[in-house]
Amino acid sequence: MSFRNQLICLDEVSQQFLRLLVALGGYCTATQAQALFPRSATQVRARLRTLERLGFLRRITKYPVVYQITKSTTRLLKRDASSRRQHTLSTVQARLLAVHFYLEARAWPSEFVLDHEQKIAVFTDLAGCPLSTLPQRGGKPYLREHFLLWQPDWCLAIAMIDLPQPGLLMRLKLFIREFLPLLRHLHKEPDLLIVTADKGRAHVYERLKRHRAIRKLGLGELSNQIKPYPVKPPVPSIASLTWPTADKHGESLEVEQSHHLSHTDAHQKHSRELIYE
């Protein structure tokens, strides 16, 4: 089916769903899709099968069923995104955790800022922060890796999604170092949330806040703004992925090259792995 014919068959509700899914990392389970869609389970599953048949989604697991966006979706939204590429199992698990967190936090209620430029504007325009206080990449402000949200008390929060891997201390240290200039500038906000898949990981992060390597960062009272957050219910465990070499529309999958990295480089790559782009 040509891309033009794909678009003809796509309704506005499906487009909104795909747009949100890209912003959340590009993956969801069938159960998560039902929570993202204000429809019955039967209607949602039928819509997912339609989007798969049209080439906007593909299944990458047998059970539980996990869907990923495709190149057709990023073409539809007129933007490229790493979320359509092939990722490691741990990254897929983390991106499902991101959707879990979004659904849970939305019910607090909270208001998410998903657009990258709008995230920057929240700090520069509303909070009056210099660009230099924001995390940088290539000499420009970079906030794609984390969620930005207004909590029920209208206090800002920045959420890091935990990866189901070792290296928690390094991950916590990098997260704090990236946002420490912003914390020092604003003093009382934002909260830095570390979203974990279970209470055990959250407790480990809480203990690591007292680690000597973290204390050396000079947080002081700002350490109270570092808040591990376990989601509930737990994210479903995935045993394996079923990546095709190419989808039925001839799209080759871009394979993540982490298996070519050294152990140290791979650890650092995973610590900074994109969750939202």
C-alpha atoms as a PDB file:
ATOM      1  CA  MET A   1       0.000   0.000   0.000  1.00  0.00           C
ATOM      2  CA  SER A   2       1.322   3.432  -0.919  1.00  0.00           C
ATOM      3  CA  PHE A   3       1.879   6.033   1.786  1.00  0.00           C
ATOM      4  CA  ARG A   4      -0.880   8.161   0.260  1.00  0.00           C
ATOM      5  CA  ASN A   5      -3.356   5.313   0.590  1.00  0.00           C
ATOM      6  CA  GLN A   6      -2.159   4.693   4.151  1.00  0.00           C
ATOM      7  CA  LEU A   7      -3.044   8.288   5.026  1.00  0.00           C
ATOM      8  CA  ILE A   8      -6.490   8.018   3.445  1.00  0.00           C
ATOM      9  CA  CYS A   9      -7.322   5.146   5.802  1.00  0.00           C
ATOM     10  CA  LEU A  10      -6.087   6.973   8.917  1.00  0.00           C
ATOM     11  CA  ASP A  11      -8.574   8.901  11.066  1.00  0.00           C
ATOM     12  CA  GLU A  12      -7.845  11.821  13.405  1.00  0.00           C
ATOM     13  CA  VAL A  13      -8.115   9.737  16.593  1.00  0.00           C
ATOM     14  CA  SER A  14      -5.450   7.341  15.315  1.00  0.00           C
ATOM     15  CA  GLN A  15      -3.202  10.235  14.342  1.00  0.00           C
ATOM     16  CA  GLN A  16      -3.480  11.712  17.834  1.00  0.00           C
ATOM     17  CA  PHE A  17      -2.650   8.340  19.343  1.00  0.00           C
ATOM     18  CA  LEU A  18       0.426   7.915  17.128  1.00  0.00           C
ATOM     19  CA  ARG A  19       1.587  11.456  17.910  1.00  0.00           C
ATOM     20  CA  LEU A  20       1.340  10.775  21.650  1.00  0.00           C
ATOM     21  CA  LEU A  21       3.049   7.404  21.310  1.00  0.00           C
ATOM     22  CA  VAL A  22       6.046   8.992  19.566  1.00  0.00           C
ATOM     23  CA  ALA A  23       6.290  11.581  22.366  1.00  0.00           C
ATOM     24  CA  LEU A  24       6.256   8.792  24.966  1.00  0.00           C
ATOM     25  CA  GLY A  25       9.027   6.779  23.342  1.00  0.00           C
ATOM     26  CA  GLY A  26       7.400   4.837  20.524  1.00  0.00           C
ATOM     27  CA  TYR A  27       6.288   1.685  22.371  1.00  0.00           C
ATOM     28  CA  CYS A  28       3.211   0.481  24.236  1.00  0.00           C
ATOM     29  CA  THR A  29       1.497  -2.723  25.253  1.00  0.00           C
ATOM     30  CA  ALA A  30      -2.048  -3.469  24.157  1.00  0.00           C
ATOM     31  CA  THR A  31      -3.191  -2.784  27.732  1.00  0.00           C
ATOM     32  CA  GLN A  32      -1.434   0.578  27.793  1.00  0.00           C
ATOM     33  CA  ALA A  33      -3.003   1.477  24.453  1.00  0.00           C
ATOM     34  CA  GLN A  34      -6.414   0.874  25.978  1.00  0.00           C
ATOM     35  CA  ALA A  35      -5.589   3.394  28.737  1.00  0.00           C
ATOM     36  CA  LEU A  36      -4.329   5.913  26.148  1.00  0.00           C
ATOM     37  CA  PHE A  37      -7.448   5.437  24.002  1.00  0.00           C
ATOM     38  CA  PRO A  38     -10.840   6.440  25.489  1.00  0.00           C
ATOM     39  CA  ARG A  39     -12.435   3.358  23.925  1.00  0.00           C
ATOM     40  CA  SER A  40     -13.488  -0.172  24.892  1.00  0.00           C
ATOM     41  CA  ALA A  41     -10.898  -2.971  24.906  1.00  0.00           C
ATOM     42  CA  THR A  42     -12.459  -4.515  21.788  1.00  0.00           C
ATOM     43  CA  GLN A  43     -12.386  -1.222  19.895  1.00  0.00           C
ATOM     44  CA  VAL A  44      -8.791  -0.485  20.916  1.00  0.00           C
ATOM     45  CA  ARG A  45      -7.490  -3.881  19.866  1.00  0.00           C
ATOM     46  CA  ALA A  46      -9.306  -3.563  16.544  1.00  0.00           C
ATOM     47  CA  ARG A  47      -7.736  -0.133  16.013  1.00  0.00           C
ATOM     48  CA  LEU A  48      -4.276  -1.467  16.870  1.00  0.00           C
ATOM     49  CA  ARG A  49      -4.675  -4.277  14.340  1.00  0.00           C
ATOM     50  CA  THR A  50      -5.765  -1.708  11.746  1.00  0.00           C
ATOM     51  CA  LEU A  51      -2.739   0.494  12.436  1.00  0.00           C
ATOM     52  CA  GLU A  52      -0.528  -2.573  12.164  1.00  0.00           C
ATOM     53  CA  ARG A  53      -2.120  -3.597   8.872  1.00  0.00           C
ATOM     54  CA  LEU A  54      -1.645  -0.057   7.527  1.00  0.00           C
ATOM     55  CA  GLY A  55       2.025  -0.146   8.510  1.00  0.00           C
ATOM     56  CA  PHE A  56       1.999   2.522  11.252  1.00  0.00           C
ATOM     57  CA  LEU A  57       2.654  -0.001  14.036  1.00  0.00           C
ATOM     58  CA  ARG A  58       4.460  -3.338  14.262  1.00  0.00           C
ATOM     59  CA  ARG A  59       4.384  -6.025  16.935  1.00  0.00           C
ATOM     60  CA  ILE A  60       7.776  -6.813  18.420  1.00  0.00           C
ATOM     61  CA  THR A  61       6.819  -9.426  21.031  1.00  0.00           C
ATOM     62  CA  LYS A  62       4.612 -12.482  21.206  1.00  0.00           C
ATOM     63  CA  TYR A  63       3.426 -12.030  24.803  1.00  0.00           C
ATOM     64  CA  PRO A  64       2.639  -9.628  26.263  1.00  0.00           C
ATOM     65  CA  VAL A  65       1.889  -7.917  22.944  1.00  0.00           C
ATOM     66  CA  VAL A  66       4.071  -4.821  22.485  1.00  0.00           C
ATOM     67  CA  TYR A  67       3.654  -2.420  19.577  1.00  0.00           C
ATOM     68  CA  GLN A  68       6.261  -0.051  18.151  1.00  0.00           C
ATOM     69  CA  ILE A  69       5.811   2.847  15.754  1.00  0.00           C
ATOM     70  CA  THR A  70       7.304   2.548  12.253  1.00  0.00           C
ATOM     71  CA  LYS A  71       8.924   4.813   9.690  1.00  0.00           C
ATOM     72  CA  SER A  72       5.469   5.484   8.241  1.00  0.00           C
ATOM     73  CA  THR A  73       4.467   7.040  11.574  1.00  0.00           C
ATOM     74  CA  THR A  74       7.462   9.371  11.709  1.00  0.00           C
ATOM     75  CA  ARG A  75       6.842  10.256   8.068  1.00  0.00           C
ATOM     76  CA  LEU A  76       3.232  11.043   8.930  1.00  0.00           C
ATOM     77  CA  LEU A  77       4.373  13.399  11.704  1.00  0.00           C
ATOM     78  CA  LYS A  78       7.000  14.949   9.398  1.00  0.00           C
ATOM     79  CA  ARG A  79       9.865  14.201  11.764  1.00  0.00           C
ATOM     80  CA  ASP A  80      12.406  11.470  12.229  1.00  0.00           C
ATOM     81  CA  ALA A  81      12.741   9.769  15.577  1.00  0.00           C
ATOM     82  CA  SER A  82      14.949   7.098  17.067  1.00  0.00           C
ATOM     83  CA  SER A  83      11.793   5.544  18.527  1.00  0.00           C
ATOM     84  CA  ARG A  84      11.171   3.705  15.237  1.00  0.00           C
ATOM     85  CA  ARG A  85      14.535   1.938  15.333  1.00  0.00           C
ATOM     86  CA  GLN A  86      15.498  -1.387  16.828  1.00  0.00           C
ATOM     87  CA  HIS A  87      16.463  -1.146  20.500  1.00  0.00           C
ATOM     88  CA  THR A  88      17.764  -3.402  23.221  1.00  0.00           C
ATOM     89  CA  LEU A  89      15.345  -5.251  25.468  1.00  0.00           C
ATOM     90  CA  SER A  90      16.258  -3.014  28.415  1.00  0.00           C
ATOM     91  CA  THR A  91      15.446   0.127  26.408  1.00  0.00           C
ATOM     92  CA  VAL A  92      12.075  -1.264  25.317  1.00  0.00           C
ATOM     93  CA  GLN A  93      11.328  -2.127  28.944  1.00  0.00           C
ATOM     94  CA  ALA A  94      12.255   1.419  30.008  1.00  0.00           C
ATOM     95  CA  ARG A  95      10.009   2.962  27.376  1.00  0.00           C
ATOM     96  CA  LEU A  96       7.074   0.865  28.532  1.00  0.00           C
ATOM     97  CA  LEU A  97       7.860   2.125  32.033  1.00  0.00           C
ATOM     98  CA  ALA A  98       7.660   5.673  30.644  1.00  0.00           C
ATOM     99  CA  VAL A  99       4.134   5.030  29.369  1.00  0.00           C
ATOM    100  CA  HIS A 100       3.179   3.520  32.747  1.00  0.00           C
ATOM    101  CA  PHE A 101       4.423   6.651  34.484  1.00  0.00           C
ATOM    102  CA  TYR A 102       2.605   8.962  32.078  1.00  0.00           C
ATOM    103  CA  LEU A 103      -0.697   7.155  32.640  1.00  0.00           C
ATOM    104  CA  GLU A 104      -0.274   7.117  36.409  1.00  0.00           C
ATOM    105  CA  ALA A 105       0.869  10.725  36.732  1.00  0.00           C
ATOM    106  CA  ARG A 106      -1.859  11.976  34.424  1.00  0.00           C
ATOM    107  CA  ALA A 107      -4.394  10.720  36.979  1.00  0.00           C
ATOM    108  CA  TRP A 108      -2.868  12.694  39.917  1.00  0.00           C
ATOM    109  CA  PRO A 109      -3.700  14.924  37.956  1.00  0.00           C
ATOM    110  CA  SER A 110      -0.604  16.370  36.305  1.00  0.00           C
ATOM    111  CA  GLU A 111       0.010  18.258  33.098  1.00  0.00           C
ATOM    112  CA  PHE A 112       2.821  17.082  30.819  1.00  0.00           C
ATOM    113  CA  VAL A 113       4.895  19.220  28.486  1.00  0.00           C
ATOM    114  CA  LEU A 114       5.949  16.847  25.699  1.00  0.00           C
ATOM    115  CA  ASP A 115       7.181  19.205  22.978  1.00  0.00           C
ATOM    116  CA  HIS A 116      10.904  19.909  23.227  1.00  0.00           C
ATOM    117  CA  GLU A 117      10.712  23.609  22.392  1.00  0.00           C
ATOM    118  CA  GLN A 118       7.893  24.088  24.872  1.00  0.00           C
ATOM    119  CA  LYS A 119       9.985  22.413  27.578  1.00  0.00           C
ATOM    120  CA  ILE A 120      12.739  24.947  27.019  1.00  0.00           C
ATOM    121  CA  ALA A 121      10.206  27.793  26.996  1.00  0.00           C
ATOM    122  CA  VAL A 122       8.850  26.743  30.396  1.00  0.00           C
ATOM    123  CA  PHE A 123      12.228  27.491  31.954  1.00  0.00           C
ATOM    124  CA  THR A 124      13.375  30.420  29.833  1.00  0.00           C
ATOM    125  CA  ASP A 125      10.083  32.285  29.387  1.00  0.00           C
ATOM    126  CA  LEU A 126       8.045  31.367  32.468  1.00  0.00           C
ATOM    127  CA  ALA A 127      10.799  30.811  35.019  1.00  0.00           C
ATOM    128  CA  GLY A 128      13.331  33.265  33.595  1.00  0.00           C
ATOM    129  CA  CYS A 129      16.203  30.785  33.575  1.00  0.00           C
ATOM    130  CA  PRO A 130      19.316  31.482  31.463  1.00  0.00           C
ATOM    131  CA  LEU A 131      19.860  28.899  28.733  1.00  0.00           C
ATOM    132  CA  SER A 132      23.166  28.011  30.391  1.00  0.00           C
ATOM    133  CA  THR A 133      21.305  26.476  33.364  1.00  0.00           C
ATOM    134  CA  LEU A 134      19.702  23.807  31.149  1.00  0.00           C
ATOM    135  CA  PRO A 135      21.367  20.545  30.060  1.00  0.00           C
ATOM    136  CA  GLN A 136      23.270  21.048  26.824  1.00  0.00           C
ATOM    137  CA  ARG A 137      23.987  18.944  23.760  1.00  0.00           C
ATOM    138  CA  GLY A 138      25.973  20.384  20.869  1.00  0.00           C
ATOM    139  CA  GLY A 139      25.962  23.769  22.577  1.00  0.00           C
ATOM    140  CA  LYS A 140      22.146  23.947  22.662  1.00  0.00           C
ATOM    141  CA  PRO A 141      19.582  23.283  25.428  1.00  0.00           C
ATOM    142  CA  TYR A 142      18.550  19.631  25.389  1.00  0.00           C
ATOM    143  CA  LEU A 143      15.596  18.241  27.333  1.00  0.00           C
ATOM    144  CA  ARG A 144      14.424  15.377  25.098  1.00  0.00           C
ATOM    145  CA  GLU A 145      15.523  12.569  27.396  1.00  0.00           C
ATOM    146  CA  HIS A 146      13.225  13.391  30.295  1.00  0.00           C
ATOM    147  CA  PHE A 147       9.599  14.123  31.053  1.00  0.00           C
ATOM    148  CA  LEU A 148       8.610  17.613  32.154  1.00  0.00           C
ATOM    149  CA  LEU A 149       5.359  17.956  34.073  1.00  0.00           C
ATOM    150  CA  TRP A 150       3.366  20.223  36.332  1.00  0.00           C
ATOM    151  CA  GLN A 151       2.407  18.359  39.515  1.00  0.00           C
ATOM    152  CA  PRO A 152      -0.946  18.825  41.318  1.00  0.00           C
ATOM    153  CA  ASP A 153       0.557  21.610  43.479  1.00  0.00           C
ATOM    154  CA  TRP A 154       1.802  23.263  40.238  1.00  0.00           C
ATOM    155  CA  CYS A 155       5.382  22.559  41.188  1.00  0.00           C
ATOM    156  CA  LEU A 156       7.485  21.544  38.200  1.00  0.00           C
ATOM    157  CA  ALA A 157       9.023  18.090  38.020  1.00  0.00           C
ATOM    158  CA  ILE A 158      11.563  16.510  35.683  1.00  0.00           C
ATOM    159  CA  ALA A 159      11.352  12.730  35.484  1.00  0.00           C
ATOM    160  CA  MET A 160      14.147  10.345  34.534  1.00  0.00           C
ATOM    161  CA  ILE A 161      13.033   6.864  33.478  1.00  0.00           C
ATOM    162  CA  ASP A 162      15.166   4.156  35.075  1.00  0.00           C
ATOM    163  CA  LEU A 163      16.794   1.510  32.876  1.00  0.00           C
ATOM    164  CA  PRO A 164      16.572  -2.100  34.160  1.00  0.00           C
ATOM    165  CA  GLN A 165      20.368  -2.428  34.287  1.00  0.00           C
ATOM    166  CA  PRO A 166      23.235  -2.055  36.754  1.00  0.00           C
ATOM    167  CA  GLY A 167      24.967   1.304  37.111  1.00  0.00           C
ATOM    168  CA  LEU A 168      22.412   3.077  39.283  1.00  0.00           C
ATOM    169  CA  LEU A 169      24.975   5.299  40.983  1.00  0.00           C
ATOM    170  CA  MET A 170      26.388   6.548  37.669  1.00  0.00           C
ATOM    171  CA  ARG A 171      22.887   7.111  36.307  1.00  0.00           C
ATOM    172  CA  LEU A 172      21.870   9.104  39.384  1.00  0.00           C
ATOM    173  CA  LYS A 173      25.065  11.147  39.314  1.00  0.00           C
ATOM    174  CA  LEU A 174      24.631  12.062  35.639  1.00  0.00           C
ATOM    175  CA  PHE A 175      20.999  13.023  36.196  1.00  0.00           C
ATOM    176  CA  ILE A 176      21.829  15.320  39.103  1.00  0.00           C
ATOM    177  CA  ARG A 177      24.832  16.898  37.393  1.00  0.00           C
ATOM    178  CA  GLU A 178      22.735  17.736  34.330  1.00  0.00           C
ATOM    179  CA  PHE A 179      20.118  19.607  36.337  1.00  0.00           C
ATOM    180  CA  LEU A 180      22.127  20.920  39.276  1.00  0.00           C
ATOM    181  CA  PRO A 181      22.626  24.400  37.697  1.00  0.00           C
ATOM    182  CA  LEU A 182      18.854  24.618  37.214  1.00  0.00           C
ATOM    183  CA  LEU A 183      18.151  23.530  40.797  1.00  0.00           C
ATOM    184  CA  ARG A 184      20.570  26.098  42.156  1.00  0.00           C
ATOM    185  CA  HIS A 185      18.997  28.827  40.038  1.00  0.00           C
ATOM    186  CA  LEU A 186      15.366  28.081  40.978  1.00  0.00           C
ATOM    187  CA  HIS A 187      16.064  26.816  44.547  1.00  0.00           C
ATOM    188  CA  LYS A 188      12.682  25.226  45.342  1.00  0.00           C
ATOM    189  CA  GLU A 189      11.887  23.513  42.057  1.00  0.00           C
ATOM    190  CA  PRO A 190      11.846  21.444  39.952  1.00  0.00           C
ATOM    191  CA  ASP A 191      11.596  18.101  41.699  1.00  0.00           C
ATOM    192  CA  LEU A 192      13.830  15.491  40.077  1.00  0.00           C
ATOM    193  CA  LEU A 193      11.829  12.252  39.890  1.00  0.00           C
ATOM    194  CA  ILE A 194      13.548   8.920  39.277  1.00  0.00           C
ATOM    195  CA  VAL A 195      10.849   6.649  37.897  1.00  0.00           C
ATOM    196  CA  THR A 196      11.426   2.986  38.732  1.00  0.00           C
ATOM    197  CA  ALA A 197       9.535  -0.213  37.971  1.00  0.00           C
ATOM    198  CA  ASP A 198       9.348  -1.345  41.603  1.00  0.00           C
ATOM    199  CA  LYS A 199       9.840  -0.176  45.184  1.00  0.00           C
ATOM    200  CA  GLY A 200      13.110  -2.083  45.527  1.00  0.00           C
ATOM    201  CA  ARG A 201      14.859   0.020  42.878  1.00  0.00           C
ATOM    202  CA  ALA A 202      13.353   3.172  44.388  1.00  0.00           C
ATOM    203  CA  HIS A 203      14.810   2.278  47.806  1.00  0.00           C
ATOM    204  CA  VAL A 204      18.243   1.740  46.251  1.00  0.00           C
ATOM    205  CA  TYR A 205      18.150   5.184  44.646  1.00  0.00           C
ATOM    206  CA  GLU A 206      17.051   6.691  47.967  1.00  0.00           C
ATOM    207  CA  ARG A 207      20.081   5.146  49.688  1.00  0.00           C
ATOM    208  CA  LEU A 208      22.383   6.284  46.900  1.00  0.00           C
ATOM    209  CA  LYS A 209      21.421   9.903  47.606  1.00  0.00           C
ATOM    210  CA  ARG A 210      23.629   9.560  50.694  1.00  0.00           C
ATOM    211  CA  HIS A 211      26.553   8.043  48.780  1.00  0.00           C
ATOM    212  CA  ARG A 212      29.832   9.939  49.017  1.00  0.00           C
ATOM    213  CA  ALA A 213      29.940  10.466  45.227  1.00  0.00           C
ATOM    214  CA  ILE A 214      26.528  12.166  45.375  1.00  0.00           C
ATOM    215  CA  ARG A 215      27.333  14.225  48.476  1.00  0.00           C
ATOM    216  CA  LYS A 216      30.432  15.538  46.697  1.00  0.00           C
ATOM    217  CA  LEU A 217      28.158  17.221  44.138  1.00  0.00           C
ATOM    218  CA  GLY A 218      27.261  19.760  46.812  1.00  0.00           C
ATOM    219  CA  LEU A 219      23.478  19.385  46.750  1.00  0.00           C
ATOM    220  CA  GLY A 220      22.926  20.296  50.392  1.00  0.00           C
ATOM    221  CA  GLU A 221      19.218  20.874  51.071  1.00  0.00           C
ATOM    222  CA  LEU A 222      18.510  20.449  47.350  1.00  0.00           C
ATOM    223  CA  SER A 223      18.841  16.685  47.899  1.00  0.00           C
ATOM    224  CA  ASN A 224      15.233  16.786  49.171  1.00  0.00           C
ATOM    225  CA  GLN A 225      14.172  17.498  45.588  1.00  0.00           C
ATOM    226  CA  ILE A 226      15.605  14.177  44.361  1.00  0.00           C
ATOM    227  CA  LYS A 227      12.657  11.793  44.654  1.00  0.00           C
ATOM    228  CA  PRO A 228      12.639   8.134  43.544  1.00  0.00           C
ATOM    229  CA  TYR A 229       9.150   7.176  42.360  1.00  0.00           C
ATOM    230  CA  PRO A 230       8.016   3.540  41.872  1.00  0.00           C
ATOM    231  CA  VAL A 231       5.094   3.094  39.484  1.00  0.00           C
ATOM    232  CA  LYS A 232       2.171   0.786  40.070  1.00  0.00           C
ATOM    233  CA  PRO A 233       0.989  -1.580  38.809  1.00  0.00           C
ATOM    234  CA  PRO A 234       4.278  -3.184  37.792  1.00  0.00           C
ATOM    235  CA  VAL A 235       5.408  -2.990  34.184  1.00  0.00           C
ATOM    236  CA  PRO A 236       4.946  -6.359  32.425  1.00  0.00           C
ATOM    237  CA  SER A 237       8.145  -8.345  32.026  1.00  0.00           C
ATOM    238  CA  ILE A 238       9.293  -9.119  28.487  1.00  0.00           C
ATOM    239  CA  ALA A 239      11.333 -12.254  27.878  1.00  0.00           C
ATOM    240  CA  SER A 240      12.422 -11.560  24.301  1.00  0.00           C
ATOM    241  CA  LEU A 241      11.834  -9.416  21.229  1.00  0.00           C
ATOM    242  CA  THR A 242      10.904 -10.632  17.755  1.00  0.00           C
ATOM    243  CA  TRP A 243      12.606  -8.142  15.434  1.00  0.00           C
ATOM    244  CA  PRO A 244      12.119  -8.756  11.706  1.00  0.00           C
ATOM    245  CA  THR A 245      15.027  -7.968   9.364  1.00  0.00           C
ATOM    246  CA  ALA A 246      12.593  -5.750   7.434  1.00  0.00           C
ATOM    247  CA  ASP A 247       8.911  -5.083   7.757  1.00  0.00           C
ATOM    248  CA  LYS A 248       6.324  -6.057   5.148  1.00  0.00           C
ATOM    249  CA  HIS A 249       6.599  -2.601   3.566  1.00  0.00           C
ATOM    250  CA  GLY A 250      10.301  -3.068   2.959  1.00  0.00           C
ATOM    251  CA  GLU A 251      11.526  -0.811   5.739  1.00  0.00           C
ATOM    252  CA  SER A 252      14.897  -1.937   7.045  1.00  0.00           C
ATOM    253  CA  LEU A 253      15.275  -1.635  10.787  1.00  0.00           C
ATOM    254  CA  GLU A 254      18.201   0.380  12.088  1.00  0.00           C
ATOM    255  CA  VAL A 255      19.926  -1.787  14.650  1.00  0.00           C
ATOM    256  CA  GLU A 256      21.326  -0.226  17.798  1.00  0.00           C
ATOM    257  CA  GLN A 257      25.095  -0.705  17.722  1.00  0.00           C
ATOM    258  CA  SER A 258      25.717  -1.144  21.460  1.00  0.00           C
ATOM    259  CA  HIS A 259      27.110  -4.670  20.929  1.00  0.00           C
ATOM    260  CA  HIS A 260      30.119  -3.103  19.195  1.00  0.00           C
ATOM    261  CA  LEU A 261      30.966  -0.933  22.204  1.00  0.00           C
ATOM    262  CA  SER A 262      33.333  -1.752  24.999  1.00  0.00           C
ATOM    263  CA  HIS A 263      31.791  -2.563  28.397  1.00  0.00           C
ATOM    264  CA  THR A 264      32.590   0.907  29.724  1.00  0.00           C
ATOM    265  CA  ASP A 265      31.333   2.754  26.647  1.00  0.00           C
ATOM    266  CA  ALA A 266      28.194   0.624  26.542  1.00  0.00           C
ATOM    267  CA  HIS A 267      27.497   1.433  30.186  1.00  0.00           C
ATOM    268  CA  GLN A 268      27.813   5.150  29.509  1.00  0.00           C
ATOM    269  CA  LYS A 269      25.655   4.867  26.378  1.00  0.00           C
ATOM    270  CA  HIS A 270      22.901   3.093  28.290  1.00  0.00           C
ATOM    271  CA  SER A 271      23.089   5.678  31.059  1.00  0.00           C
ATOM    272  CA  ARG A 272      22.296   8.416  28.538  1.00  0.00           C
ATOM    273  CA  GLU A 273      20.032   6.395  26.259  1.00  0.00           C
ATOM    274  CA  LEU A 274      17.163   8.391  24.799  1.00  0.00           C
ATOM    275  CA  ILE A 275      13.752   7.665  26.142  1.00  0.00           C
ATOM    276  CA  TYR A 276      11.639  10.129  24.241  1.00  0.00           C
ATOM    277  CA  GLU A 277      13.319  11.078  20.981  1.00  0.00           C
END
